[in-house]
């Protein structure tokens, strides 16, 4: 996944944890492709304040993922589910059992 795609994913998953202004700044940057000047005018703050807010917000989103790991876990689950479907299609029952065990461990670890 490219850098912008990952930032968008972080924003989708953790954006609601940001303040309203932080959410607006990132939404205008990512979704509307507004410039710093346009966002500053929209929010009634300086371009430097917009720049700082965007950088701080991106750092917060990355920190949330580092601590909570929701995206990483979801990616691992999807990969295991794809492997499971393939193993079931191939009739590889020992592999199906192993993948189910791995999924169970992943889910148990998330519940702790």
N, C-alpha and C. Protein backbone atom coordinates (compact mmCIF):
# COMPACT_ATOMS: atom_id res chain seq x y z
N UNK A 1 0.85 -1.17 0.00
CA UNK A 1 0.00 0.00 0.00
C UNK A 1 0.90 1.24 0.00
N UNK A 2 0.53 2.23 -0.80
CA UNK A 2 1.34 3.44 -0.85
C UNK A 2 1.12 4.28 0.41
N UNK A 3 1.97 5.29 0.58
CA UNK A 3 1.97 6.11 1.79
C UNK A 3 0.64 6.83 1.99
N UNK A 4 0.10 7.43 0.93
CA UNK A 4 -1.17 8.14 1.05
C UNK A 4 -2.30 7.17 1.38
N UNK A 5 -2.29 6.01 0.74
CA UNK A 5 -3.31 5.00 1.02
C UNK A 5 -3.29 4.58 2.48
N UNK A 6 -2.10 4.42 3.03
CA UNK A 6 -1.97 4.03 4.44
C UNK A 6 -2.46 5.15 5.35
N UNK A 7 -2.15 6.40 5.01
CA UNK A 7 -2.64 7.54 5.80
C UNK A 7 -4.16 7.60 5.77
N UNK A 8 -4.75 7.36 4.61
CA UNK A 8 -6.21 7.35 4.50
C UNK A 8 -6.81 6.22 5.35
N UNK A 9 -6.18 5.07 5.34
CA UNK A 9 -6.65 3.96 6.14
C UNK A 9 -6.57 4.29 7.63
N UNK A 10 -5.45 4.88 8.06
CA UNK A 10 -5.32 5.31 9.45
C UNK A 10 -6.43 6.29 9.82
N UNK A 11 -6.69 7.23 8.92
CA UNK A 11 -7.73 8.24 9.17
C UNK A 11 -9.10 7.59 9.26
N UNK A 12 -9.38 6.63 8.38
CA UNK A 12 -10.66 5.94 8.41
C UNK A 12 -10.86 5.17 9.72
N UNK A 13 -9.81 4.52 10.19
CA UNK A 13 -9.92 3.67 11.38
C UNK A 13 -9.92 4.49 12.66
N UNK A 14 -9.01 5.46 12.76
CA UNK A 14 -8.79 6.17 14.02
C UNK A 14 -9.21 7.64 14.00
N UNK A 15 -9.71 8.13 12.88
CA UNK A 15 -10.02 9.55 12.75
C UNK A 15 -10.97 10.08 13.80
N UNK A 16 -11.91 9.27 14.24
CA UNK A 16 -12.88 9.74 15.23
C UNK A 16 -12.25 10.02 16.59
N UNK A 17 -11.00 9.59 16.79
CA UNK A 17 -10.30 9.87 18.04
C UNK A 17 -9.65 11.25 18.04
N UNK A 18 -9.65 11.91 16.90
CA UNK A 18 -9.07 13.25 16.78
C UNK A 18 -10.11 14.31 17.13
N UNK A 19 -9.62 15.52 17.38
CA UNK A 19 -10.53 16.64 17.62
C UNK A 19 -11.24 16.99 16.31
N UNK A 20 -12.30 17.77 16.44
CA UNK A 20 -13.07 18.18 15.25
C UNK A 20 -12.19 18.94 14.26
N UNK A 21 -11.36 19.86 14.75
CA UNK A 21 -10.48 20.64 13.85
C UNK A 21 -9.45 19.74 13.17
N UNK A 22 -8.90 18.80 13.91
CA UNK A 22 -7.94 17.87 13.32
C UNK A 22 -8.61 17.03 12.24
N UNK A 23 -9.82 16.56 12.52
CA UNK A 23 -10.56 15.79 11.53
C UNK A 23 -10.83 16.62 10.29
N UNK A 24 -11.23 17.87 10.48
CA UNK A 24 -11.52 18.74 9.34
C UNK A 24 -10.27 18.97 8.50
N UNK A 25 -9.15 19.27 9.17
CA UNK A 25 -7.91 19.53 8.44
C UNK A 25 -7.49 18.32 7.61
N UNK A 26 -7.57 17.13 8.21
CA UNK A 26 -7.18 15.94 7.47
C UNK A 26 -8.18 15.61 6.37
N UNK A 27 -9.46 15.77 6.64
CA UNK A 27 -10.47 15.49 5.61
C UNK A 27 -10.29 16.42 4.42
N UNK A 28 -10.04 17.69 4.68
CA UNK A 28 -9.84 18.63 3.58
C UNK A 28 -8.55 18.33 2.81
N UNK A 29 -7.54 17.85 3.52
CA UNK A 29 -6.28 17.49 2.87
C UNK A 29 -6.42 16.22 2.05
N UNK A 30 -6.93 15.16 2.67
CA UNK A 30 -6.99 13.85 2.02
C UNK A 30 -8.14 13.73 1.04
N UNK A 31 -9.31 14.14 1.45
CA UNK A 31 -10.50 13.89 0.64
C UNK A 31 -10.76 14.96 -0.41
N UNK A 32 -10.44 16.20 -0.08
CA UNK A 32 -10.73 17.30 -0.99
C UNK A 32 -9.51 17.84 -1.71
N UNK A 33 -8.31 17.41 -1.27
CA UNK A 33 -7.04 17.85 -1.86
C UNK A 33 -6.88 19.37 -1.79
N UNK A 34 -7.34 19.97 -0.71
CA UNK A 34 -7.19 21.41 -0.52
C UNK A 34 -5.74 21.74 -0.18
N UNK A 35 -5.31 22.93 -0.53
CA UNK A 35 -3.97 23.40 -0.18
C UNK A 35 -3.98 23.89 1.26
N UNK A 36 -2.80 24.12 1.80
CA UNK A 36 -2.70 24.65 3.17
C UNK A 36 -3.41 25.99 3.29
N UNK A 37 -3.25 26.82 2.26
CA UNK A 37 -3.90 28.13 2.27
C UNK A 37 -5.41 28.04 2.26
N UNK A 38 -5.94 27.12 1.46
CA UNK A 38 -7.39 26.93 1.39
C UNK A 38 -7.94 26.40 2.72
N UNK A 39 -7.21 25.48 3.32
CA UNK A 39 -7.64 24.93 4.61
C UNK A 39 -7.57 26.01 5.68
N UNK A 40 -6.50 26.81 5.66
CA UNK A 40 -6.35 27.89 6.63
C UNK A 40 -7.52 28.86 6.54
N UNK A 41 -7.91 29.22 5.33
CA UNK A 41 -9.05 30.12 5.15
C UNK A 41 -10.33 29.46 5.63
N UNK A 42 -10.51 28.20 5.33
CA UNK A 42 -11.71 27.46 5.72
C UNK A 42 -11.84 27.38 7.25
N UNK A 43 -10.70 27.11 7.92
CA UNK A 43 -10.73 26.93 9.37
C UNK A 43 -10.47 28.21 10.16
N UNK A 44 -10.05 29.27 9.46
CA UNK A 44 -9.79 30.54 10.12
C UNK A 44 -8.53 30.52 10.97
N UNK A 45 -7.51 29.80 10.48
CA UNK A 45 -6.22 29.76 11.18
C UNK A 45 -5.11 29.97 10.15
N UNK A 46 -3.87 30.09 10.64
CA UNK A 46 -2.75 30.33 9.73
C UNK A 46 -2.36 29.06 8.98
N UNK A 47 -1.64 29.25 7.88
CA UNK A 47 -1.15 28.11 7.11
C UNK A 47 -0.21 27.25 7.97
N UNK A 48 0.62 27.93 8.77
CA UNK A 48 1.54 27.20 9.65
C UNK A 48 0.77 26.36 10.67
N UNK A 49 -0.32 26.90 11.19
CA UNK A 49 -1.15 26.16 12.15
C UNK A 49 -1.77 24.94 11.48
N UNK A 50 -2.18 25.08 10.23
CA UNK A 50 -2.73 23.95 9.48
C UNK A 50 -1.66 22.89 9.28
N UNK A 51 -0.49 23.32 8.86
CA UNK A 51 0.63 22.39 8.64
C UNK A 51 0.93 21.62 9.92
N UNK A 52 1.04 22.36 11.03
CA UNK A 52 1.34 21.73 12.32
C UNK A 52 0.23 20.77 12.74
N UNK A 53 -1.01 21.17 12.54
CA UNK A 53 -2.15 20.32 12.92
C UNK A 53 -2.16 19.02 12.11
N UNK A 54 -1.87 19.12 10.83
CA UNK A 54 -1.84 17.93 9.98
C UNK A 54 -0.73 16.99 10.42
N UNK A 55 0.46 17.52 10.64
CA UNK A 55 1.59 16.68 11.07
C UNK A 55 1.33 16.04 12.43
N UNK A 56 0.81 16.82 13.38
CA UNK A 56 0.49 16.26 14.70
C UNK A 56 -0.59 15.18 14.59
N UNK A 57 -1.59 15.45 13.79
CA UNK A 57 -2.69 14.49 13.62
C UNK A 57 -2.20 13.20 12.99
N UNK A 58 -1.35 13.30 11.99
CA UNK A 58 -0.81 12.10 11.36
C UNK A 58 0.04 11.30 12.35
N UNK A 59 0.80 12.01 13.19
CA UNK A 59 1.60 11.33 14.21
C UNK A 59 0.70 10.64 15.23
N UNK A 60 -0.39 11.29 15.61
CA UNK A 60 -1.34 10.68 16.54
C UNK A 60 -1.95 9.42 15.95
N UNK A 61 -2.36 9.49 14.69
CA UNK A 61 -2.96 8.32 14.03
C UNK A 61 -1.97 7.16 13.99
N UNK A 62 -0.72 7.45 13.65
CA UNK A 62 0.30 6.41 13.60
C UNK A 62 0.53 5.83 15.00
N UNK A 63 0.48 6.68 16.02
CA UNK A 63 0.66 6.24 17.40
C UNK A 63 -0.50 5.34 17.84
N UNK A 64 -1.72 5.69 17.44
CA UNK A 64 -2.87 4.85 17.76
C UNK A 64 -2.70 3.46 17.16
N UNK A 65 -2.26 3.39 15.91
CA UNK A 65 -2.06 2.09 15.27
C UNK A 65 -0.94 1.32 15.96
N UNK A 66 0.11 2.02 16.35
CA UNK A 66 1.22 1.36 17.02
C UNK A 66 0.75 0.73 18.34
N UNK A 67 -0.09 1.44 19.06
CA UNK A 67 -0.56 0.95 20.36
C UNK A 67 -1.71 -0.04 20.24
N UNK A 68 -2.65 0.21 19.35
CA UNK A 68 -3.85 -0.63 19.25
C UNK A 68 -3.72 -1.73 18.20
N UNK A 69 -3.04 -1.46 17.11
CA UNK A 69 -2.77 -2.46 16.09
C UNK A 69 -3.99 -3.00 15.35
N UNK A 70 -5.03 -2.20 15.22
CA UNK A 70 -6.25 -2.68 14.57
C UNK A 70 -6.04 -2.99 13.09
N UNK A 71 -5.29 -2.17 12.41
CA UNK A 71 -5.05 -2.39 10.98
C UNK A 71 -4.16 -3.62 10.79
N UNK A 72 -3.13 -3.72 11.60
CA UNK A 72 -2.23 -4.87 11.51
C UNK A 72 -3.00 -6.17 11.77
N UNK A 73 -3.84 -6.16 12.78
CA UNK A 73 -4.62 -7.35 13.12
C UNK A 73 -5.59 -7.69 11.99
N UNK A 74 -6.27 -6.68 11.46
CA UNK A 74 -7.21 -6.92 10.38
C UNK A 74 -6.51 -7.50 9.16
N UNK A 75 -5.34 -6.99 8.85
CA UNK A 75 -4.56 -7.50 7.71
C UNK A 75 -4.17 -8.95 7.92
N UNK A 76 -3.75 -9.28 9.14
CA UNK A 76 -3.37 -10.67 9.45
C UNK A 76 -4.59 -11.58 9.36
N UNK A 77 -5.73 -11.13 9.87
CA UNK A 77 -6.94 -11.94 9.80
C UNK A 77 -7.36 -12.20 8.35
N UNK A 78 -7.31 -11.16 7.54
CA UNK A 78 -7.70 -11.32 6.13
C UNK A 78 -6.78 -12.31 5.41
N UNK A 79 -5.48 -12.22 5.70
CA UNK A 79 -4.53 -13.14 5.06
C UNK A 79 -4.82 -14.58 5.48
N UNK A 80 -5.09 -14.79 6.76
CA UNK A 80 -5.40 -16.14 7.23
C UNK A 80 -6.71 -16.65 6.65
N UNK A 81 -7.70 -15.78 6.53
CA UNK A 81 -8.98 -16.20 5.94
C UNK A 81 -8.83 -16.58 4.47
N UNK A 82 -7.97 -15.86 3.75
CA UNK A 82 -7.70 -16.22 2.36
C UNK A 82 -7.01 -17.59 2.27
N UNK A 83 -6.03 -17.79 3.17
CA UNK A 83 -5.34 -19.09 3.21
C UNK A 83 -6.32 -20.20 3.55
N UNK A 84 -7.23 -19.92 4.48
CA UNK A 84 -8.22 -20.91 4.89
C UNK A 84 -9.12 -21.29 3.73
N UNK A 85 -9.60 -20.30 3.00
CA UNK A 85 -10.47 -20.57 1.86
C UNK A 85 -9.73 -21.41 0.82
N UNK A 86 -8.47 -21.08 0.58
CA UNK A 86 -7.68 -21.84 -0.41
C UNK A 86 -7.46 -23.27 0.06
N UNK A 87 -7.14 -23.42 1.34
CA UNK A 87 -6.90 -24.77 1.88
C UNK A 87 -8.17 -25.61 1.83
N UNK A 88 -9.31 -24.99 2.15
CA UNK A 88 -10.59 -25.71 2.08
C UNK A 88 -10.90 -26.12 0.64
N UNK A 89 -10.63 -25.21 -0.29
CA UNK A 89 -10.90 -25.50 -1.70
C UNK A 89 -10.02 -26.66 -2.19
N UNK A 90 -8.79 -26.71 -1.70
CA UNK A 90 -7.86 -27.77 -2.10
C UNK A 90 -8.08 -29.07 -1.32
N UNK A 91 -8.92 -28.99 -0.28
CA UNK A 91 -9.16 -30.19 0.53
C UNK A 91 -7.98 -30.56 1.40
N UNK A 92 -7.17 -29.59 1.75
CA UNK A 92 -6.00 -29.82 2.60
C UNK A 92 -6.42 -29.66 4.06
N UNK A 93 -7.00 -30.71 4.61
CA UNK A 93 -7.62 -30.61 5.94
C UNK A 93 -6.62 -30.38 7.06
N UNK A 94 -5.42 -30.95 7.03
CA UNK A 94 -4.46 -30.61 8.09
C UNK A 94 -4.09 -29.12 8.07
N UNK A 95 -3.98 -28.57 6.86
CA UNK A 95 -3.68 -27.15 6.73
C UNK A 95 -4.87 -26.31 7.22
N UNK A 96 -6.09 -26.74 6.94
CA UNK A 96 -7.28 -26.05 7.42
C UNK A 96 -7.26 -25.99 8.95
N UNK A 97 -6.95 -27.12 9.58
CA UNK A 97 -6.90 -27.18 11.04
C UNK A 97 -5.84 -26.22 11.59
N UNK A 98 -4.68 -26.17 10.95
CA UNK A 98 -3.60 -25.29 11.40
C UNK A 98 -3.99 -23.82 11.26
N UNK A 99 -4.60 -23.46 10.16
CA UNK A 99 -5.01 -22.07 9.95
C UNK A 99 -6.10 -21.69 10.94
N UNK A 100 -7.02 -22.59 11.22
CA UNK A 100 -8.06 -22.31 12.23
C UNK A 100 -7.41 -22.09 13.60
N UNK A 101 -6.39 -22.89 13.92
CA UNK A 101 -5.68 -22.72 15.18
C UNK A 101 -5.03 -21.34 15.25
N UNK A 102 -4.41 -20.92 14.14
CA UNK A 102 -3.77 -19.60 14.08
C UNK A 102 -4.79 -18.48 14.24
N UNK A 103 -5.94 -18.64 13.58
CA UNK A 103 -7.00 -17.64 13.73
C UNK A 103 -7.48 -17.56 15.18
N UNK A 104 -7.62 -18.70 15.82
CA UNK A 104 -8.03 -18.74 17.22
C UNK A 104 -7.03 -18.02 18.11
N UNK A 105 -5.74 -18.22 17.86
CA UNK A 105 -4.71 -17.53 18.63
C UNK A 105 -4.77 -16.03 18.41
N UNK A 106 -4.98 -15.63 17.18
CA UNK A 106 -5.05 -14.20 16.86
C UNK A 106 -6.24 -13.54 17.57
N UNK A 107 -7.36 -14.22 17.57
CA UNK A 107 -8.55 -13.69 18.23
C UNK A 107 -8.36 -13.67 19.74
N UNK A 108 -7.79 -14.72 20.30
CA UNK A 108 -7.54 -14.77 21.75
C UNK A 108 -6.60 -13.66 22.19
N UNK A 109 -5.57 -13.43 21.41
CA UNK A 109 -4.60 -12.38 21.75
C UNK A 109 -5.26 -11.01 21.74
N UNK A 110 -6.20 -10.80 20.84
CA UNK A 110 -6.88 -9.50 20.75
C UNK A 110 -7.81 -9.30 21.93
N UNK A 111 -8.34 -10.37 22.49
CA UNK A 111 -9.27 -10.26 23.61
C UNK A 111 -8.57 -9.99 24.93
N UNK A 112 -7.28 -10.20 24.99
CA UNK A 112 -6.52 -9.99 26.25
C UNK A 112 -6.26 -8.55 26.52
